[in-house]
Amino acid sequence: MYHADKIKAPVVFFQGLEDKVVLPAQAEAMVAALKQNGTPVALETYENEGHGFRNPDTIVDSLQKELSFYGEIFGFEPHDDIESIQIENKR
């Protein structure tokens, strides 16, 4: 977080709200720092998840949203109809 101003590449975060290793506040602070820096950034949070997702629905959702993120950043549309992720500072 202390060097977020040097991050220029787009970043996506997937955060379990019960994570005891990387606290949700830490992910939110990184997102805020990257937003302030103008870096494209997205954050998706999941209730009842910790560090490393266990719920199959969460795993599927996070992978689909990761693909959506790549599609938005690299300019392609995923083949399947998947829910998109909101990207801040999208270029």
PDB file of N, CA and C in Angstrom:
ATOM      1  N   MET A   1       0.809  -1.183   0.000  1.00  0.00           N
ATOM      2  CA  MET A   1       0.000   0.000   0.000  1.00  0.00           C
ATOM      3  C   MET A   1       0.859   1.256   0.000  1.00  0.00           C
ATOM      4  N   TYR A   2       2.022   1.153   0.586  1.00  0.00           N
ATOM      5  CA  TYR A   2       2.890   2.321   0.698  1.00  0.00           C
ATOM      6  C   TYR A   2       3.499   2.735  -0.640  1.00  0.00           C
ATOM      7  N   HIS A   3       3.418   1.847  -1.632  1.00  0.00           N
ATOM      8  CA  HIS A   3       3.965   2.148  -2.947  1.00  0.00           C
ATOM      9  C   HIS A   3       2.894   2.063  -4.026  1.00  0.00           C
ATOM     10  N   ALA A   4       1.653   2.240  -3.652  1.00  0.00           N
ATOM     11  CA  ALA A   4       0.550   2.150  -4.607  1.00  0.00           C
ATOM     12  C   ALA A   4       0.682   3.179  -5.712  1.00  0.00           C
ATOM     13  N   ASP A   5       1.344   4.268  -5.432  1.00  0.00           N
ATOM     14  CA  ASP A   5       1.507   5.305  -6.449  1.00  0.00           C
ATOM     15  C   ASP A   5       2.366   4.830  -7.619  1.00  0.00           C
ATOM     16  N   LYS A   6       3.111   3.742  -7.437  1.00  0.00           N
ATOM     17  CA  LYS A   6       3.957   3.203  -8.500  1.00  0.00           C
ATOM     18  C   LYS A   6       3.215   2.163  -9.350  1.00  0.00           C
ATOM     19  N   ILE A   7       2.047   1.744  -8.909  1.00  0.00           N
ATOM     20  CA  ILE A   7       1.283   0.733  -9.638  1.00  0.00           C
ATOM     21  C   ILE A   7       0.487   1.423 -10.733  1.00  0.00           C
ATOM     22  N   LYS A   8       0.776   1.065 -11.963  1.00  0.00           N
ATOM     23  CA  LYS A   8       0.090   1.656 -13.116  1.00  0.00           C
ATOM     24  C   LYS A   8      -0.795   0.633 -13.832  1.00  0.00           C
ATOM     25  N   ALA A   9      -0.483  -0.645 -13.691  1.00  0.00           N
ATOM     26  CA  ALA A   9      -1.242  -1.706 -14.358  1.00  0.00           C
ATOM     27  C   ALA A   9      -2.577  -1.911 -13.647  1.00  0.00           C
ATOM     28  N   PRO A  10      -3.624  -2.243 -14.384  1.00  0.00           N
ATOM     29  CA  PRO A  10      -4.927  -2.513 -13.764  1.00  0.00           C
ATOM     30  C   PRO A  10      -4.838  -3.653 -12.748  1.00  0.00           C
ATOM     31  N   VAL A  11      -5.629  -3.533 -11.673  1.00  0.00           N
ATOM     32  CA  VAL A  11      -5.615  -4.525 -10.598  1.00  0.00           C
ATOM     33  C   VAL A  11      -7.052  -4.862 -10.218  1.00  0.00           C
ATOM     34  N   VAL A  12      -7.300  -6.152  -9.983  1.00  0.00           N
ATOM     35  CA  VAL A  12      -8.594  -6.590  -9.470  1.00  0.00           C
ATOM     36  C   VAL A  12      -8.359  -7.320  -8.148  1.00  0.00           C
ATOM     37  N   PHE A  13      -9.219  -7.045  -7.178  1.00  0.00           N
ATOM     38  CA  PHE A  13      -9.142  -7.673  -5.857  1.00  0.00           C
ATOM     39  C   PHE A  13     -10.402  -8.495  -5.622  1.00  0.00           C
ATOM     40  N   PHE A  14     -10.232  -9.691  -5.088  1.00  0.00           N
ATOM     41  CA  PHE A  14     -11.339 -10.538  -4.655  1.00  0.00           C
ATOM     42  C   PHE A  14     -11.108 -10.790  -3.171  1.00  0.00           C
ATOM     43  N   GLN A  15     -12.043 -10.324  -2.354  1.00  0.00           N
ATOM     44  CA  GLN A  15     -11.817 -10.271  -0.913  1.00  0.00           C
ATOM     45  C   GLN A  15     -12.906 -10.996  -0.140  1.00  0.00           C
ATOM     46  N   GLY A  16     -12.498 -11.949   0.687  1.00  0.00           N
ATOM     47  CA  GLY A  16     -13.415 -12.563   1.632  1.00  0.00           C
ATOM     48  C   GLY A  16     -13.587 -11.625   2.821  1.00  0.00           C
ATOM     49  N   LEU A  17     -14.817 -11.370   3.201  1.00  0.00           N
ATOM     50  CA  LEU A  17     -15.066 -10.424   4.285  1.00  0.00           C
ATOM     51  C   LEU A  17     -14.723 -10.978   5.658  1.00  0.00           C
ATOM     52  N   GLU A  18     -14.457 -12.282   5.738  1.00  0.00           N
ATOM     53  CA  GLU A  18     -14.025 -12.891   6.996  1.00  0.00           C
ATOM     54  C   GLU A  18     -12.548 -13.275   6.954  1.00  0.00           C
ATOM     55  N   ASP A  19     -11.813 -12.708   6.035  1.00  0.00           N
ATOM     56  CA  ASP A  19     -10.388 -12.991   5.879  1.00  0.00           C
ATOM     57  C   ASP A  19      -9.625 -12.452   7.084  1.00  0.00           C
ATOM     58  N   LYS A  20      -8.857 -13.322   7.729  1.00  0.00           N
ATOM     59  CA  LYS A  20      -8.055 -12.921   8.887  1.00  0.00           C
ATOM     60  C   LYS A  20      -6.582 -12.714   8.493  1.00  0.00           C
ATOM     61  N   VAL A  21      -6.212 -13.081   7.257  1.00  0.00           N
ATOM     62  CA  VAL A  21      -4.837 -12.924   6.784  1.00  0.00           C
ATOM     63  C   VAL A  21      -4.665 -11.563   6.114  1.00  0.00           C
ATOM     64  N   VAL A  22      -5.520 -11.292   5.128  1.00  0.00           N
ATOM     65  CA  VAL A  22      -5.577  -9.971   4.488  1.00  0.00           C
ATOM     66  C   VAL A  22      -6.930  -9.381   4.870  1.00  0.00           C
ATOM     67  N   LEU A  23      -6.915  -8.465   5.788  1.00  0.00           N
ATOM     68  CA  LEU A  23      -8.162  -7.902   6.299  1.00  0.00           C
ATOM     69  C   LEU A  23      -8.876  -7.104   5.210  1.00  0.00           C
ATOM     70  N   PRO A  24     -10.206  -7.142   5.205  1.00  0.00           N
ATOM     71  CA  PRO A  24     -10.955  -6.370   4.217  1.00  0.00           C
ATOM     72  C   PRO A  24     -10.536  -4.892   4.177  1.00  0.00           C
ATOM     73  N   ALA A  25     -10.224  -4.328   5.321  1.00  0.00           N
ATOM     74  CA  ALA A  25      -9.800  -2.926   5.364  1.00  0.00           C
ATOM     75  C   ALA A  25      -8.502  -2.703   4.580  1.00  0.00           C
ATOM     76  N   GLN A  26      -7.630  -3.703   4.558  1.00  0.00           N
ATOM     77  CA  GLN A  26      -6.390  -3.580   3.796  1.00  0.00           C
ATOM     78  C   GLN A  26      -6.672  -3.547   2.297  1.00  0.00           C
ATOM     79  N   ALA A  27      -7.558  -4.415   1.839  1.00  0.00           N
ATOM     80  CA  ALA A  27      -7.930  -4.418   0.420  1.00  0.00           C
ATOM     81  C   ALA A  27      -8.612  -3.108   0.050  1.00  0.00           C
ATOM     82  N   GLU A  28      -9.492  -2.634   0.913  1.00  0.00           N
ATOM     83  CA  GLU A  28     -10.190  -1.374   0.650  1.00  0.00           C
ATOM     84  C   GLU A  28      -9.210  -0.202   0.601  1.00  0.00           C
ATOM     85  N   ALA A  29      -8.195  -0.225   1.452  1.00  0.00           N
ATOM     86  CA  ALA A  29      -7.185   0.837   1.449  1.00  0.00           C
ATOM     87  C   ALA A  29      -6.375   0.810   0.151  1.00  0.00           C
ATOM     88  N   MET A  30      -6.045  -0.383  -0.329  1.00  0.00           N
ATOM     89  CA  MET A  30      -5.323  -0.488  -1.598  1.00  0.00           C
ATOM     90  C   MET A  30      -6.179   0.033  -2.743  1.00  0.00           C
ATOM     91  N   VAL A  31      -7.451  -0.341  -2.746  1.00  0.00           N
ATOM     92  CA  VAL A  31      -8.355   0.124  -3.797  1.00  0.00           C
ATOM     93  C   VAL A  31      -8.448   1.644  -3.768  1.00  0.00           C
ATOM     94  N   ALA A  32      -8.590   2.217  -2.594  1.00  0.00           N
ATOM     95  CA  ALA A  32      -8.678   3.677  -2.472  1.00  0.00           C
ATOM     96  C   ALA A  32      -7.399   4.345  -2.977  1.00  0.00           C
ATOM     97  N   ALA A  33      -6.252   3.778  -2.638  1.00  0.00           N
ATOM     98  CA  ALA A  33      -4.978   4.347  -3.083  1.00  0.00           C
ATOM     99  C   ALA A  33      -4.843   4.263  -4.600  1.00  0.00           C
ATOM    100  N   LEU A  34      -5.243   3.141  -5.183  1.00  0.00           N
ATOM    101  CA  LEU A  34      -5.155   2.992  -6.628  1.00  0.00           C
ATOM    102  C   LEU A  34      -6.145   3.894  -7.350  1.00  0.00           C
ATOM    103  N   LYS A  35      -7.336   4.049  -6.780  1.00  0.00           N
ATOM    104  CA  LYS A  35      -8.311   4.985  -7.358  1.00  0.00           C
ATOM    105  C   LYS A  35      -7.725   6.388  -7.386  1.00  0.00           C
ATOM    106  N   GLN A  36      -7.146   6.796  -6.275  1.00  0.00           N
ATOM    107  CA  GLN A  36      -6.563   8.130  -6.169  1.00  0.00           C
ATOM    108  C   GLN A  36      -5.438   8.315  -7.185  1.00  0.00           C
ATOM    109  N   ASN A  37      -4.721   7.234  -7.468  1.00  0.00           N
ATOM    110  CA  ASN A  37      -3.613   7.256  -8.413  1.00  0.00           C
ATOM    111  C   ASN A  37      -4.094   7.235  -9.870  1.00  0.00           C
ATOM    112  N   GLY A  38      -5.387   6.953 -10.081  1.00  0.00           N
ATOM    113  CA  GLY A  38      -5.922   6.871 -11.440  1.00  0.00           C
ATOM    114  C   GLY A  38      -5.731   5.519 -12.091  1.00  0.00           C
ATOM    115  N   THR A  39      -5.318   4.531 -11.315  1.00  0.00           N
ATOM    116  CA  THR A  39      -5.106   3.183 -11.826  1.00  0.00           C
ATOM    117  C   THR A  39      -6.453   2.465 -11.944  1.00  0.00           C
ATOM    118  N   PRO A  40      -6.712   1.793 -13.069  1.00  0.00           N
ATOM    119  CA  PRO A  40      -7.931   0.998 -13.165  1.00  0.00           C
ATOM    120  C   PRO A  40      -7.936  -0.093 -12.088  1.00  0.00           C
ATOM    121  N   VAL A  41      -9.029  -0.156 -11.325  1.00  0.00           N
ATOM    122  CA  VAL A  41      -9.083  -1.085 -10.200  1.00  0.00           C
ATOM    123  C   VAL A  41     -10.515  -1.549  -9.977  1.00  0.00           C
ATOM    124  N   ALA A  42     -10.639  -2.788  -9.522  1.00  0.00           N
ATOM    125  CA  ALA A  42     -11.948  -3.351  -9.192  1.00  0.00           C
ATOM    126  C   ALA A  42     -11.820  -4.142  -7.897  1.00  0.00           C
ATOM    127  N   LEU A  43     -12.898  -4.166  -7.144  1.00  0.00           N
ATOM    128  CA  LEU A  43     -12.956  -4.922  -5.887  1.00  0.00           C
ATOM    129  C   LEU A  43     -14.264  -5.666  -5.833  1.00  0.00           C
ATOM    130  N   GLU A  44     -14.188  -6.960  -5.591  1.00  0.00           N
ATOM    131  CA  GLU A  44     -15.371  -7.794  -5.391  1.00  0.00           C
ATOM    132  C   GLU A  44     -15.218  -8.466  -4.029  1.00  0.00           C
ATOM    133  N   THR A  45     -16.225  -8.303  -3.176  1.00  0.00           N
ATOM    134  CA  THR A  45     -16.163  -8.893  -1.840  1.00  0.00           C
ATOM    135  C   THR A  45     -17.168 -10.027  -1.712  1.00  0.00           C
ATOM    136  N   TYR A  46     -16.854 -10.942  -0.804  1.00  0.00           N
ATOM    137  CA  TYR A  46     -17.695 -12.116  -0.594  1.00  0.00           C
ATOM    138  C   TYR A  46     -17.908 -12.349   0.894  1.00  0.00           C
ATOM    139  N   GLU A  47     -19.181 -12.358   1.287  1.00  0.00           N
ATOM    140  CA  GLU A  47     -19.530 -12.680   2.670  1.00  0.00           C
ATOM    141  C   GLU A  47     -19.264 -14.159   2.928  1.00  0.00           C
ATOM    142  N   ASN A  48     -19.041 -14.489   4.164  1.00  0.00           N
ATOM    143  CA  ASN A  48     -18.835 -15.877   4.597  1.00  0.00           C
ATOM    144  C   ASN A  48     -17.652 -16.545   3.909  1.00  0.00           C
ATOM    145  N   GLU A  49     -16.681 -15.744   3.500  1.00  0.00           N
ATOM    146  CA  GLU A  49     -15.459 -16.293   2.912  1.00  0.00           C
ATOM    147  C   GLU A  49     -14.266 -15.711   3.649  1.00  0.00           C
ATOM    148  N   GLY A  50     -13.236 -16.531   3.776  1.00  0.00           N
ATOM    149  CA  GLY A  50     -12.009 -16.092   4.416  1.00  0.00           C
ATOM    150  C   GLY A  50     -10.908 -15.949   3.388  1.00  0.00           C
ATOM    151  N   HIS A  51      -9.709 -16.369   3.767  1.00  0.00           N
ATOM    152  CA  HIS A  51      -8.549 -16.288   2.882  1.00  0.00           C
ATOM    153  C   HIS A  51      -8.476 -17.584   2.092  1.00  0.00           C
ATOM    154  N   GLY A  52      -8.852 -17.531   0.837  1.00  0.00           N
ATOM    155  CA  GLY A  52      -8.965 -18.739   0.015  1.00  0.00           C
ATOM    156  C   GLY A  52     -10.415 -19.162   0.021  1.00  0.00           C
ATOM    157  N   PHE A  53     -11.060 -19.032  -1.102  1.00  0.00           N
ATOM    158  CA  PHE A  53     -12.501 -19.272  -1.157  1.00  0.00           C
ATOM    159  C   PHE A  53     -12.813 -20.764  -1.096  1.00  0.00           C
ATOM    160  N   ARG A  54     -13.919 -21.085  -0.413  1.00  0.00           N
ATOM    161  CA  ARG A  54     -14.351 -22.480  -0.247  1.00  0.00           C
ATOM    162  C   ARG A  54     -15.709 -22.749  -0.887  1.00  0.00           C
ATOM    163  N   ASN A  55     -16.573 -21.745  -0.897  1.00  0.00           N
ATOM    164  CA  ASN A  55     -17.921 -21.911  -1.433  1.00  0.00           C
ATOM    165  C   ASN A  55     -17.855 -22.022  -2.955  1.00  0.00           C
ATOM    166  N   PRO A  56     -18.405 -23.103  -3.528  1.00  0.00           N
ATOM    167  CA  PRO A  56     -18.351 -23.267  -4.986  1.00  0.00           C
ATOM    168  C   PRO A  56     -18.962 -22.089  -5.757  1.00  0.00           C
ATOM    169  N   ASP A  57     -20.034 -21.501  -5.244  1.00  0.00           N
ATOM    170  CA  ASP A  57     -20.645 -20.356  -5.921  1.00  0.00           C
ATOM    171  C   ASP A  57     -19.697 -19.161  -5.948  1.00  0.00           C
ATOM    172  N   THR A  58     -18.965 -18.959  -4.862  1.00  0.00           N
ATOM    173  CA  THR A  58     -17.989 -17.872  -4.800  1.00  0.00           C
ATOM    174  C   THR A  58     -16.867 -18.112  -5.796  1.00  0.00           C
ATOM    175  N   ILE A  59     -16.401 -19.335  -5.873  1.00  0.00           N
ATOM    176  CA  ILE A  59     -15.307 -19.669  -6.784  1.00  0.00           C
ATOM    177  C   ILE A  59     -15.722 -19.403  -8.231  1.00  0.00           C
ATOM    178  N   VAL A  60     -16.910 -19.859  -8.603  1.00  0.00           N
ATOM    179  CA  VAL A  60     -17.399 -19.636  -9.968  1.00  0.00           C
ATOM    180  C   VAL A  60     -17.558 -18.143 -10.230  1.00  0.00           C
ATOM    181  N   ASP A  61     -18.183 -17.433  -9.297  1.00  0.00           N
ATOM    182  CA  ASP A  61     -18.411 -16.004  -9.477  1.00  0.00           C
ATOM    183  C   ASP A  61     -17.095 -15.249  -9.620  1.00  0.00           C
ATOM    184  N   SER A  62     -16.130 -15.560  -8.768  1.00  0.00           N
ATOM    185  CA  SER A  62     -14.851 -14.837  -8.825  1.00  0.00           C
ATOM    186  C   SER A  62     -14.111 -15.119 -10.129  1.00  0.00           C
ATOM    187  N   LEU A  63     -14.173 -16.341 -10.618  1.00  0.00           N
ATOM    188  CA  LEU A  63     -13.512 -16.653 -11.892  1.00  0.00           C
ATOM    189  C   LEU A  63     -14.203 -15.960 -13.061  1.00  0.00           C
ATOM    190  N   GLN A  64     -15.525 -15.917 -13.033  1.00  0.00           N
ATOM    191  CA  GLN A  64     -16.249 -15.237 -14.104  1.00  0.00           C
ATOM    192  C   GLN A  64     -15.968 -13.733 -14.074  1.00  0.00           C
ATOM    193  N   LYS A  65     -15.929 -13.159 -12.898  1.00  0.00           N
ATOM    194  CA  LYS A  65     -15.653 -11.725 -12.798  1.00  0.00           C
ATOM    195  C   LYS A  65     -14.198 -11.420 -13.148  1.00  0.00           C
ATOM    196  N   GLU A  66     -13.300 -12.336 -12.867  1.00  0.00           N
ATOM    197  CA  GLU A  66     -11.913 -12.156 -13.297  1.00  0.00           C
ATOM    198  C   GLU A  66     -11.843 -12.127 -14.826  1.00  0.00           C
ATOM    199  N   LEU A  67     -12.556 -13.045 -15.472  1.00  0.00           N
ATOM    200  CA  LEU A  67     -12.607 -13.061 -16.932  1.00  0.00           C
ATOM    201  C   LEU A  67     -13.223 -11.772 -17.467  1.00  0.00           C
ATOM    202  N   SER A  68     -14.283 -11.299 -16.820  1.00  0.00           N
ATOM    203  CA  SER A  68     -14.911 -10.037 -17.208  1.00  0.00           C
ATOM    204  C   SER A  68     -13.908  -8.891 -17.110  1.00  0.00           C
ATOM    205  N   PHE A  69     -13.128  -8.874 -16.034  1.00  0.00           N
ATOM    206  CA  PHE A  69     -12.107  -7.851 -15.838  1.00  0.00           C
ATOM    207  C   PHE A  69     -11.100  -7.876 -16.989  1.00  0.00           C
ATOM    208  N   TYR A  70     -10.596  -9.069 -17.312  1.00  0.00           N
ATOM    209  CA  TYR A  70      -9.642  -9.186 -18.420  1.00  0.00           C
ATOM    210  C   TYR A  70     -10.262  -8.711 -19.733  1.00  0.00           C
ATOM    211  N   GLY A  71     -11.514  -9.078 -19.957  1.00  0.00           N
ATOM    212  CA  GLY A  71     -12.192  -8.656 -21.175  1.00  0.00           C
ATOM    213  C   GLY A  71     -12.276  -7.147 -21.284  1.00  0.00           C
ATOM    214  N   GLU A  72     -12.627  -6.492 -20.186  1.00  0.00           N
ATOM    215  CA  GLU A  72     -12.726  -5.030 -20.185  1.00  0.00           C
ATOM    216  C   GLU A  72     -11.355  -4.383 -20.404  1.00  0.00           C
ATOM    217  N   ILE A  73     -10.354  -4.915 -19.761  1.00  0.00           N
ATOM    218  CA  ILE A  73      -9.018  -4.325 -19.837  1.00  0.00           C
ATOM    219  C   ILE A  73      -8.366  -4.581 -21.200  1.00  0.00           C
ATOM    220  N   PHE A  74      -8.516  -5.803 -21.711  1.00  0.00           N
ATOM    221  CA  PHE A  74      -7.837  -6.167 -22.957  1.00  0.00           C
ATOM    222  C   PHE A  74      -8.722  -6.039 -24.198  1.00  0.00           C
ATOM    223  N   GLY A  75      -9.973  -5.615 -24.001  1.00  0.00           N
ATOM    224  CA  GLY A  75     -10.834  -5.321 -25.132  1.00  0.00           C
ATOM    225  C   GLY A  75     -11.433  -6.506 -25.852  1.00  0.00           C
ATOM    226  N   PHE A  76     -11.856  -7.505 -25.095  1.00  0.00           N
ATOM    227  CA  PHE A  76     -12.573  -8.608 -25.715  1.00  0.00           C
ATOM    228  C   PHE A  76     -13.833  -8.907 -24.907  1.00  0.00           C
ATOM    229  N   GLU A  77     -14.783  -9.566 -25.549  1.00  0.00           N
ATOM    230  CA  GLU A  77     -16.013  -9.943 -24.867  1.00  0.00           C
ATOM    231  C   GLU A  77     -16.000 -11.446 -24.627  1.00  0.00           C
ATOM    232  N   PRO A  78     -16.126 -11.868 -23.368  1.00  0.00           N
ATOM    233  CA  PRO A  78     -16.144 -13.309 -23.083  1.00  0.00           C
ATOM    234  C   PRO A  78     -17.264 -14.003 -23.857  1.00  0.00           C
ATOM    235  N   HIS A  79     -17.009 -15.235 -24.250  1.00  0.00           N
ATOM    236  CA  HIS A  79     -17.961 -16.008 -25.039  1.00  0.00           C
ATOM    237  C   HIS A  79     -19.274 -16.219 -24.291  1.00  0.00           C
ATOM    238  N   ASP A  80     -19.193 -16.606 -23.050  1.00  0.00           N
ATOM    239  CA  ASP A  80     -20.390 -16.873 -22.261  1.00  0.00           C
ATOM    240  C   ASP A  80     -20.984 -15.575 -21.712  1.00  0.00           C
ATOM    241  N   ASP A  81     -22.261 -15.620 -21.417  1.00  0.00           N
ATOM    242  CA  ASP A  81     -22.939 -14.479 -20.807  1.00  0.00           C
ATOM    243  C   ASP A  81     -22.647 -14.502 -19.309  1.00  0.00           C
ATOM    244  N   ILE A  82     -21.717 -13.654 -18.887  1.00  0.00           N
ATOM    245  CA  ILE A  82     -21.330 -13.612 -17.483  1.00  0.00           C
ATOM    246  C   ILE A  82     -21.546 -12.202 -16.947  1.00  0.00           C
ATOM    247  N   GLU A  83     -21.695 -12.130 -15.625  1.00  0.00           N
ATOM    248  CA  GLU A  83     -21.880 -10.830 -14.971  1.00  0.00           C
ATOM    249  C   GLU A  83     -20.569 -10.056 -15.009  1.00  0.00           C
ATOM    250  N   SER A  84     -20.658  -8.792 -15.352  1.00  0.00           N
ATOM    251  CA  SER A  84     -19.443  -7.983 -15.437  1.00  0.00           C
ATOM    252  C   SER A  84     -19.072  -7.436 -14.064  1.00  0.00           C
ATOM    253  N   ILE A  85     -17.838  -7.009 -13.962  1.00  0.00           N
ATOM    254  CA  ILE A  85     -17.328  -6.410 -12.740  1.00  0.00           C
ATOM    255  C   ILE A  85     -17.166  -4.910 -12.989  1.00  0.00           C
ATOM    256  N   GLN A  86     -17.405  -4.123 -11.970  1.00  0.00           N
ATOM    257  CA  GLN A  86     -17.284  -2.674 -12.098  1.00  0.00           C
ATOM    258  C   GLN A  86     -15.823  -2.274 -11.900  1.00  0.00           C
ATOM    259  N   ILE A  87     -15.288  -1.570 -12.892  1.00  0.00           N
ATOM    260  CA  ILE A  87     -13.906  -1.112 -12.845  1.00  0.00           C
ATOM    261  C   ILE A  87     -13.898   0.402 -12.674  1.00  0.00           C
ATOM    262  N   GLU A  88     -13.186   0.865 -11.654  1.00  0.00           N
ATOM    263  CA  GLU A  88     -12.999   2.287 -11.430  1.00  0.00           C
ATOM    264  C   GLU A  88     -11.798   2.766 -12.254  1.00  0.00           C
ATOM    265  N   ASN A  89     -11.849   3.991 -12.714  1.00  0.00           N
ATOM    266  CA  ASN A  89     -10.763   4.596 -13.498  1.00  0.00           C
ATOM    267  C   ASN A  89     -10.487   3.837 -14.790  1.00  0.00           C
ATOM    268  N   LYS A  90     -11.523   3.244 -15.356  1.00  0.00           N
ATOM    269  CA  LYS A  90     -11.353   2.495 -16.604  1.00  0.00           C
ATOM    270  C   LYS A  90     -10.911   3.444 -17.707  1.00  0.00           C
ATOM    271  N   ARG A  91      -9.913   3.046 -18.442  1.00  0.00           N
ATOM    272  CA  ARG A  91      -9.371   3.877 -19.520  1.00  0.00           C
ATOM    273  C   ARG A  91     -10.068   3.604 -20.825  1.00  0.00           C
TER     274      ARG A  91
END
